[in-house]
Amino acid sequence: MSRRSRSIQPGVLYHLIARFVASEWFIRTDVERRQYLELFGRAVIKSDWRCLAFAIMSNHVHLAMIAGTDSLASWISEAHSPFAEWINRQHRRIGAVFVRGPKAIAVRGDGVARLVGYIHRNPVRAGIVARAGDSAWTSHREYLRPERAPAWLDVHLGLELMGFADPDALDTWIDATPIERSELDAIRLEPLKRGGRPRADAEGAWACKLGAAQGVWAENAKPA
């Protein structure tokens, strides 16, 4: 098992933001989005991290992830390095594609809905679509049709942690509740001190829900 980063705490929800160099639009069509998601899915499913949501935009990527004990670098590099190589071949270029590693922002357990809502409304804020459900650039459609979600996307866990009984309720809430970037500051999980690790977020309802989910993961991981 890989060593984990000192700045990442297992069991904590993180908002990962990966940007392309010089704000380049390396993802312009569904071909690039499918390529990224295929590589990302292969990498994350081999790790002990869990993906709750994504938005694959033209010049950046948003991910809602629950950290495992594997280091962030150990699995994200398995997705980003081959994707960067693929992009460079497509564009006949040489050089970096991503701006360093992704920015990782720790989020409180009660902020899951607001984080996922913010991520799913990225195409709406960009003026590309009118409703979150109109875009294929995020995981919102997978939430509306959980049976179509890939194995690496924990839709049912996401609904449970957000407190929604069904996908339609989430869809209605996201359309009616635009979350702005400034509101994400309110759900940050602050470090214990400057430069320290995020404060542990394993209390109350979050701990109960996450603990139950981990039991489901372990059961699903057992050999048939």
C-alpha atoms as a PDB file:
ATOM      1  CA  MET A   1       0.000   0.000   0.000  1.00  0.00           C
ATOM      2  CA  SER A   2       1.311   3.439  -0.896  1.00  0.00           C
ATOM      3  CA  ARG A   3       2.368   5.946   1.711  1.00  0.00           C
ATOM      4  CA  ARG A   4      -0.238   8.635   2.144  1.00  0.00           C
ATOM      5  CA  SER A   5       0.399  12.353   1.933  1.00  0.00           C
ATOM      6  CA  ARG A   6       0.741  14.147   5.270  1.00  0.00           C
ATOM      7  CA  SER A   7      -1.842  16.656   4.114  1.00  0.00           C
ATOM      8  CA  ILE A   8      -4.544  14.071   3.356  1.00  0.00           C
ATOM      9  CA  GLN A   9      -6.555  12.429   6.120  1.00  0.00           C
ATOM     10  CA  PRO A  10      -8.408   9.153   5.486  1.00  0.00           C
ATOM     11  CA  GLY A  11     -12.176   9.360   5.865  1.00  0.00           C
ATOM     12  CA  VAL A  12     -12.281  13.073   5.053  1.00  0.00           C
ATOM     13  CA  LEU A  13     -14.213  14.449   2.076  1.00  0.00           C
ATOM     14  CA  TYR A  14     -12.074  16.427  -0.370  1.00  0.00           C
ATOM     15  CA  HIS A  15     -12.879  18.780  -3.207  1.00  0.00           C
ATOM     16  CA  LEU A  16     -10.152  18.117  -5.775  1.00  0.00           C
ATOM     17  CA  ILE A  17      -9.594  20.698  -8.510  1.00  0.00           C
ATOM     18  CA  ALA A  18      -7.222  19.846 -11.367  1.00  0.00           C
ATOM     19  CA  ARG A  19      -6.481  22.648 -13.833  1.00  0.00           C
ATOM     20  CA  PHE A  20      -4.806  22.594 -17.228  1.00  0.00           C
ATOM     21  CA  VAL A  21      -1.739  24.735 -17.899  1.00  0.00           C
ATOM     22  CA  ALA A  22      -2.432  28.282 -19.070  1.00  0.00           C
ATOM     23  CA  SER A  23      -6.186  27.511 -18.801  1.00  0.00           C
ATOM     24  CA  GLU A  24      -5.913  25.596 -22.093  1.00  0.00           C
ATOM     25  CA  TRP A  25      -9.101  23.979 -23.383  1.00  0.00           C
ATOM     26  CA  PHE A  26      -7.685  20.482 -23.692  1.00  0.00           C
ATOM     27  CA  ILE A  27     -11.157  18.960 -23.314  1.00  0.00           C
ATOM     28  CA  ARG A  28     -13.394  20.223 -26.112  1.00  0.00           C
ATOM     29  CA  THR A  29     -15.528  17.224 -27.038  1.00  0.00           C
ATOM     30  CA  ASP A  30     -17.061  14.125 -25.496  1.00  0.00           C
ATOM     31  CA  VAL A  31     -14.145  12.132 -26.920  1.00  0.00           C
ATOM     32  CA  GLU A  32     -11.716  13.817 -24.517  1.00  0.00           C
ATOM     33  CA  ARG A  33     -14.163  13.562 -21.622  1.00  0.00           C
ATOM     34  CA  ARG A  34     -14.680   9.847 -22.180  1.00  0.00           C
ATOM     35  CA  GLN A  35     -10.929   9.317 -22.386  1.00  0.00           C
ATOM     36  CA  TYR A  36     -10.358  11.160 -19.112  1.00  0.00           C
ATOM     37  CA  LEU A  37     -13.145   9.311 -17.300  1.00  0.00           C
ATOM     38  CA  GLU A  38     -11.976   5.928 -18.552  1.00  0.00           C
ATOM     39  CA  LEU A  39      -8.466   6.525 -17.221  1.00  0.00           C
ATOM     40  CA  PHE A  40      -9.752   8.107 -14.026  1.00  0.00           C
ATOM     41  CA  GLY A  41     -12.137   5.225 -13.378  1.00  0.00           C
ATOM     42  CA  ARG A  42      -9.428   2.611 -13.855  1.00  0.00           C
ATOM     43  CA  ALA A  43      -7.179   4.425 -11.400  1.00  0.00           C
ATOM     44  CA  VAL A  44      -9.655   5.208  -8.643  1.00  0.00           C
ATOM     45  CA  ILE A  45     -11.261   1.763  -8.569  1.00  0.00           C
ATOM     46  CA  LYS A  46      -7.855   0.247  -7.756  1.00  0.00           C
ATOM     47  CA  SER A  47      -7.424   2.614  -4.812  1.00  0.00           C
ATOM     48  CA  ASP A  48      -9.308   2.845  -1.521  1.00  0.00           C
ATOM     49  CA  TRP A  49     -10.596   6.346  -2.301  1.00  0.00           C
ATOM     50  CA  ARG A  50     -14.274   6.835  -3.166  1.00  0.00           C
ATOM     51  CA  CYS A  51     -15.635   9.202  -5.819  1.00  0.00           C
ATOM     52  CA  LEU A  52     -18.951  10.920  -5.085  1.00  0.00           C
ATOM     53  CA  ALA A  53     -19.125  13.374  -7.998  1.00  0.00           C
ATOM     54  CA  PHE A  54     -17.257  14.861 -10.942  1.00  0.00           C
ATOM     55  CA  ALA A  55     -17.410  17.672 -13.475  1.00  0.00           C
ATOM     56  CA  ILE A  56     -15.134  17.451 -16.519  1.00  0.00           C
ATOM     57  CA  MET A  57     -14.921  20.967 -17.890  1.00  0.00           C
ATOM     58  CA  SER A  58     -12.905  22.278 -20.845  1.00  0.00           C
ATOM     59  CA  ASN A  59      -9.955  23.613 -18.854  1.00  0.00           C
ATOM     60  CA  HIS A  60     -10.337  22.031 -15.415  1.00  0.00           C
ATOM     61  CA  VAL A  61     -11.763  19.067 -13.515  1.00  0.00           C
ATOM     62  CA  HIS A  62     -13.751  18.956 -10.243  1.00  0.00           C
ATOM     63  CA  LEU A  63     -13.916  15.809  -8.110  1.00  0.00           C
ATOM     64  CA  ALA A  64     -15.660  15.076  -4.797  1.00  0.00           C
ATOM     65  CA  MET A  65     -13.635  12.308  -3.142  1.00  0.00           C
ATOM     66  CA  ILE A  66     -13.539  10.557   0.223  1.00  0.00           C
ATOM     67  CA  ALA A  67      -9.899   9.881   1.027  1.00  0.00           C
ATOM     68  CA  GLY A  68      -8.582   6.413   1.730  1.00  0.00           C
ATOM     69  CA  THR A  69      -5.200   5.393   3.107  1.00  0.00           C
ATOM     70  CA  ASP A  70      -3.578   5.337  -0.339  1.00  0.00           C
ATOM     71  CA  SER A  71      -1.777   8.564  -1.175  1.00  0.00           C
ATOM     72  CA  LEU A  72      -3.484  10.951  -3.565  1.00  0.00           C
ATOM     73  CA  ALA A  73      -0.467  10.913  -5.870  1.00  0.00           C
ATOM     74  CA  SER A  74      -0.405   7.106  -6.048  1.00  0.00           C
ATOM     75  CA  TRP A  75      -3.670   6.879  -7.968  1.00  0.00           C
ATOM     76  CA  ILE A  76      -4.206  10.300  -9.552  1.00  0.00           C
ATOM     77  CA  SER A  77      -0.940   9.968 -11.464  1.00  0.00           C
ATOM     78  CA  GLU A  78      -2.241   6.738 -13.014  1.00  0.00           C
ATOM     79  CA  ALA A  79      -5.033   8.795 -14.568  1.00  0.00           C
ATOM     80  CA  HIS A  80      -3.380  12.134 -15.279  1.00  0.00           C
ATOM     81  CA  SER A  81      -0.053  10.956 -16.681  1.00  0.00           C
ATOM     82  CA  PRO A  82      -1.529   8.772 -19.458  1.00  0.00           C
ATOM     83  CA  PHE A  83      -4.211  11.378 -20.158  1.00  0.00           C
ATOM     84  CA  ALA A  84      -1.519  14.053 -20.572  1.00  0.00           C
ATOM     85  CA  GLU A  85       0.422  11.780 -22.910  1.00  0.00           C
ATOM     86  CA  TRP A  86      -2.739  11.112 -24.927  1.00  0.00           C
ATOM     87  CA  ILE A  87      -3.544  14.840 -25.166  1.00  0.00           C
ATOM     88  CA  ASN A  88      -0.011  15.616 -26.305  1.00  0.00           C
ATOM     89  CA  ARG A  89      -0.236  12.988 -29.035  1.00  0.00           C
ATOM     90  CA  GLN A  90      -3.603  14.346 -30.155  1.00  0.00           C
ATOM     91  CA  HIS A  91      -2.291  17.914 -30.325  1.00  0.00           C
ATOM     92  CA  ARG A  92       1.234  17.036 -31.446  1.00  0.00           C
ATOM     93  CA  ARG A  93       2.707  18.958 -28.566  1.00  0.00           C
ATOM     94  CA  ILE A  94       5.281  18.446 -25.822  1.00  0.00           C
ATOM     95  CA  GLY A  95       5.004  19.686 -22.269  1.00  0.00           C
ATOM     96  CA  ALA A  96       2.868  19.690 -19.163  1.00  0.00           C
ATOM     97  CA  VAL A  97      -0.902  19.387 -19.445  1.00  0.00           C
ATOM     98  CA  PHE A  98      -1.913  19.716 -15.777  1.00  0.00           C
ATOM     99  CA  VAL A  99      -0.871  22.467 -13.356  1.00  0.00           C
ATOM    100  CA  ARG A 100       1.048  20.392 -10.795  1.00  0.00           C
ATOM    101  CA  GLY A 101      -1.141  18.074  -8.723  1.00  0.00           C
ATOM    102  CA  PRO A 102      -4.808  18.780  -8.005  1.00  0.00           C
ATOM    103  CA  LYS A 103      -5.723  21.270  -5.285  1.00  0.00           C
ATOM    104  CA  ALA A 104      -7.248  19.360  -2.360  1.00  0.00           C
ATOM    105  CA  ILE A 105      -9.727  21.205  -0.127  1.00  0.00           C
ATOM    106  CA  ALA A 106     -11.044  19.348   2.925  1.00  0.00           C
ATOM    107  CA  VAL A 107     -14.830  19.615   3.328  1.00  0.00           C
ATOM    108  CA  ARG A 108     -16.980  19.097   6.422  1.00  0.00           C
ATOM    109  CA  GLY A 109     -19.219  16.044   6.546  1.00  0.00           C
ATOM    110  CA  ASP A 110     -22.337  18.222   6.511  1.00  0.00           C
ATOM    111  CA  GLY A 111     -21.171  19.898   3.305  1.00  0.00           C
ATOM    112  CA  VAL A 112     -21.562  16.933   0.929  1.00  0.00           C
ATOM    113  CA  ALA A 113     -24.775  18.204  -0.679  1.00  0.00           C
ATOM    114  CA  ARG A 114     -23.423  21.706  -1.213  1.00  0.00           C
ATOM    115  CA  LEU A 115     -20.190  20.397  -2.728  1.00  0.00           C
ATOM    116  CA  VAL A 116     -21.945  17.993  -5.101  1.00  0.00           C
ATOM    117  CA  GLY A 117     -24.483  20.681  -5.989  1.00  0.00           C
ATOM    118  CA  TYR A 118     -21.677  23.106  -6.806  1.00  0.00           C
ATOM    119  CA  ILE A 119     -19.877  20.510  -8.942  1.00  0.00           C
ATOM    120  CA  HIS A 120     -23.012  19.454 -10.820  1.00  0.00           C
ATOM    121  CA  ARG A 121     -23.954  23.050 -11.587  1.00  0.00           C
ATOM    122  CA  ASN A 122     -20.600  23.908 -13.216  1.00  0.00           C
ATOM    123  CA  PRO A 123     -22.038  23.712 -16.772  1.00  0.00           C
ATOM    124  CA  VAL A 124     -25.006  25.826 -15.655  1.00  0.00           C
ATOM    125  CA  ARG A 125     -22.752  28.547 -14.238  1.00  0.00           C
ATOM    126  CA  ALA A 126     -20.719  28.444 -17.451  1.00  0.00           C
ATOM    127  CA  GLY A 127     -23.882  29.203 -19.427  1.00  0.00           C
ATOM    128  CA  ILE A 128     -23.693  25.940 -21.374  1.00  0.00           C
ATOM    129  CA  VAL A 129     -27.014  24.467 -20.191  1.00  0.00           C
ATOM    130  CA  ALA A 130     -30.060  25.682 -18.305  1.00  0.00           C
ATOM    131  CA  ARG A 131     -30.327  22.727 -15.904  1.00  0.00           C
ATOM    132  CA  ALA A 132     -27.823  20.379 -14.327  1.00  0.00           C
ATOM    133  CA  GLY A 133     -29.592  17.389 -15.878  1.00  0.00           C
ATOM    134  CA  ASP A 134     -29.075  18.780 -19.381  1.00  0.00           C
ATOM    135  CA  SER A 135     -25.312  18.269 -19.280  1.00  0.00           C
ATOM    136  CA  ALA A 136     -23.271  15.100 -19.775  1.00  0.00           C
ATOM    137  CA  TRP A 137     -20.159  16.839 -18.436  1.00  0.00           C
ATOM    138  CA  THR A 138     -20.871  15.940 -14.806  1.00  0.00           C
ATOM    139  CA  SER A 139     -22.024  12.950 -12.775  1.00  0.00           C
ATOM    140  CA  HIS A 140     -25.529  14.404 -12.401  1.00  0.00           C
ATOM    141  CA  ARG A 141     -27.061  12.135 -15.049  1.00  0.00           C
ATOM    142  CA  GLU A 142     -25.575   9.119 -13.292  1.00  0.00           C
ATOM    143  CA  TYR A 143     -27.353  10.249 -10.124  1.00  0.00           C
ATOM    144  CA  LEU A 144     -30.632  10.445 -12.049  1.00  0.00           C
ATOM    145  CA  ARG A 145     -30.086   6.906 -13.379  1.00  0.00           C
ATOM    146  CA  PRO A 146     -28.036   5.128 -10.677  1.00  0.00           C
ATOM    147  CA  GLU A 147     -28.212   1.812 -12.527  1.00  0.00           C
ATOM    148  CA  ARG A 148     -26.096   3.340 -15.287  1.00  0.00           C
ATOM    149  CA  ALA A 149     -23.390   4.683 -12.973  1.00  0.00           C
ATOM    150  CA  PRO A 150     -19.920   3.133 -13.377  1.00  0.00           C
ATOM    151  CA  ALA A 151     -18.642   0.957 -10.538  1.00  0.00           C
ATOM    152  CA  TRP A 152     -16.172   3.605  -9.385  1.00  0.00           C
ATOM    153  CA  LEU A 153     -18.864   6.279  -8.860  1.00  0.00           C
ATOM    154  CA  ASP A 154     -20.614   5.857  -5.490  1.00  0.00           C
ATOM    155  CA  VAL A 155     -24.031   7.297  -6.368  1.00  0.00           C
ATOM    156  CA  HIS A 156     -25.950   5.506  -3.623  1.00  0.00           C
ATOM    157  CA  LEU A 157     -23.382   6.543  -1.034  1.00  0.00           C
ATOM    158  CA  GLY A 158     -23.597  10.118  -2.312  1.00  0.00           C
ATOM    159  CA  LEU A 159     -27.386  10.188  -1.931  1.00  0.00           C
ATOM    160  CA  GLU A 160     -27.099   8.749   1.574  1.00  0.00           C
ATOM    161  CA  LEU A 161     -24.459  11.241   2.716  1.00  0.00           C
ATOM    162  CA  MET A 162     -26.379  14.139   1.165  1.00  0.00           C
ATOM    163  CA  GLY A 163     -29.605  13.074   2.870  1.00  0.00           C
ATOM    164  CA  PHE A 164     -31.734  12.548  -0.241  1.00  0.00           C
ATOM    165  CA  ALA A 165     -34.127   9.622  -0.400  1.00  0.00           C
ATOM    166  CA  ASP A 166     -34.156   9.445  -4.199  1.00  0.00           C
ATOM    167  CA  PRO A 167     -32.508  10.984  -7.299  1.00  0.00           C
ATOM    168  CA  ASP A 168     -35.524  13.140  -8.177  1.00  0.00           C
ATOM    169  CA  ALA A 169     -35.303  14.919  -4.830  1.00  0.00           C
ATOM    170  CA  LEU A 170     -31.630  15.682  -5.472  1.00  0.00           C
ATOM    171  CA  ASP A 171     -32.397  16.892  -8.990  1.00  0.00           C
ATOM    172  CA  THR A 172     -35.082  19.274  -7.724  1.00  0.00           C
ATOM    173  CA  TRP A 173     -32.859  20.599  -4.942  1.00  0.00           C
ATOM    174  CA  ILE A 174     -29.868  21.246  -7.215  1.00  0.00           C
ATOM    175  CA  ASP A 175     -31.999  23.150  -9.727  1.00  0.00           C
ATOM    176  CA  ALA A 176     -33.579  25.239  -6.973  1.00  0.00           C
ATOM    177  CA  THR A 177     -30.401  25.825  -4.939  1.00  0.00           C
ATOM    178  CA  PRO A 178     -27.549  27.411  -6.875  1.00  0.00           C
ATOM    179  CA  ILE A 179     -24.336  27.128  -4.848  1.00  0.00           C
ATOM    180  CA  GLU A 180     -21.815  29.869  -5.546  1.00  0.00           C
ATOM    181  CA  ARG A 181     -18.054  29.534  -5.135  1.00  0.00           C
ATOM    182  CA  SER A 182     -18.065  31.866  -2.132  1.00  0.00           C
ATOM    183  CA  GLU A 183     -20.398  29.473  -0.294  1.00  0.00           C
ATOM    184  CA  LEU A 184     -17.814  26.684  -0.428  1.00  0.00           C
ATOM    185  CA  ASP A 185     -15.716  28.547   2.149  1.00  0.00           C
ATOM    186  CA  ALA A 186     -18.455  27.873   4.701  1.00  0.00           C
ATOM    187  CA  ILE A 187     -18.045  24.099   4.389  1.00  0.00           C
ATOM    188  CA  ARG A 188     -14.257  23.953   4.521  1.00  0.00           C
ATOM    189  CA  LEU A 189     -12.813  21.647   7.162  1.00  0.00           C
ATOM    190  CA  GLU A 190     -10.225  23.892   8.769  1.00  0.00           C
ATOM    191  CA  PRO A 191      -6.813  22.564   9.859  1.00  0.00           C
ATOM    192  CA  LEU A 192      -6.029  22.392  13.561  1.00  0.00           C
ATOM    193  CA  LYS A 193      -3.359  25.028  13.006  1.00  0.00           C
ATOM    194  CA  ARG A 194      -1.651  26.822  10.171  1.00  0.00           C
ATOM    195  CA  GLY A 195       0.005  24.284   7.907  1.00  0.00           C
ATOM    196  CA  GLY A 196      -1.475  21.366   9.851  1.00  0.00           C
ATOM    197  CA  ARG A 197      -3.619  18.462   8.738  1.00  0.00           C
ATOM    198  CA  PRO A 198      -7.389  18.909   8.453  1.00  0.00           C
ATOM    199  CA  ARG A 199      -9.327  18.404  11.660  1.00  0.00           C
ATOM    200  CA  ALA A 200     -10.749  14.887  11.922  1.00  0.00           C
ATOM    201  CA  ASP A 201     -14.351  14.807  10.710  1.00  0.00           C
ATOM    202  CA  ALA A 202     -15.540  11.526  12.191  1.00  0.00           C
ATOM    203  CA  GLU A 203     -18.306  12.640  14.519  1.00  0.00           C
ATOM    204  CA  GLY A 204     -22.074  12.360  14.676  1.00  0.00           C
ATOM    205  CA  ALA A 205     -24.184  11.550  11.634  1.00  0.00           C
ATOM    206  CA  TRP A 206     -21.209  11.687   9.248  1.00  0.00           C
ATOM    207  CA  ALA A 207     -19.384   8.953  11.199  1.00  0.00           C
ATOM    208  CA  CYS A 208     -22.501   6.755  11.296  1.00  0.00           C
ATOM    209  CA  LYS A 209     -23.226   7.111   7.594  1.00  0.00           C
ATOM    210  CA  LEU A 210     -19.605   6.727   6.539  1.00  0.00           C
ATOM    211  CA  GLY A 211     -19.111   3.745   8.836  1.00  0.00           C
ATOM    212  CA  ALA A 212     -22.153   2.014   7.368  1.00  0.00           C
ATOM    213  CA  ALA A 213     -20.921   2.769   3.851  1.00  0.00           C
ATOM    214  CA  GLN A 214     -17.512   1.308   4.617  1.00  0.00           C
ATOM    215  CA  GLY A 215     -19.249  -1.882   5.705  1.00  0.00           C
ATOM    216  CA  VAL A 216     -21.022  -2.032   2.346  1.00  0.00           C
ATOM    217  CA  TRP A 217     -17.729  -1.467   0.493  1.00  0.00           C
ATOM    218  CA  ALA A 218     -16.076  -4.280   2.439  1.00  0.00           C
ATOM    219  CA  GLU A 219     -19.003  -6.635   1.746  1.00  0.00           C
ATOM    220  CA  ASN A 220     -18.969  -5.813  -1.975  1.00  0.00           C
ATOM    221  CA  ALA A 221     -15.230  -6.389  -2.104  1.00  0.00           C
ATOM    222  CA  LYS A 222     -15.494  -9.977  -0.855  1.00  0.00           C
ATOM    223  CA  PRO A 223     -14.782 -12.695  -3.459  1.00  0.00           C
ATOM    224  CA  ALA A 224     -17.898 -14.224  -4.986  1.00  0.00           C
END
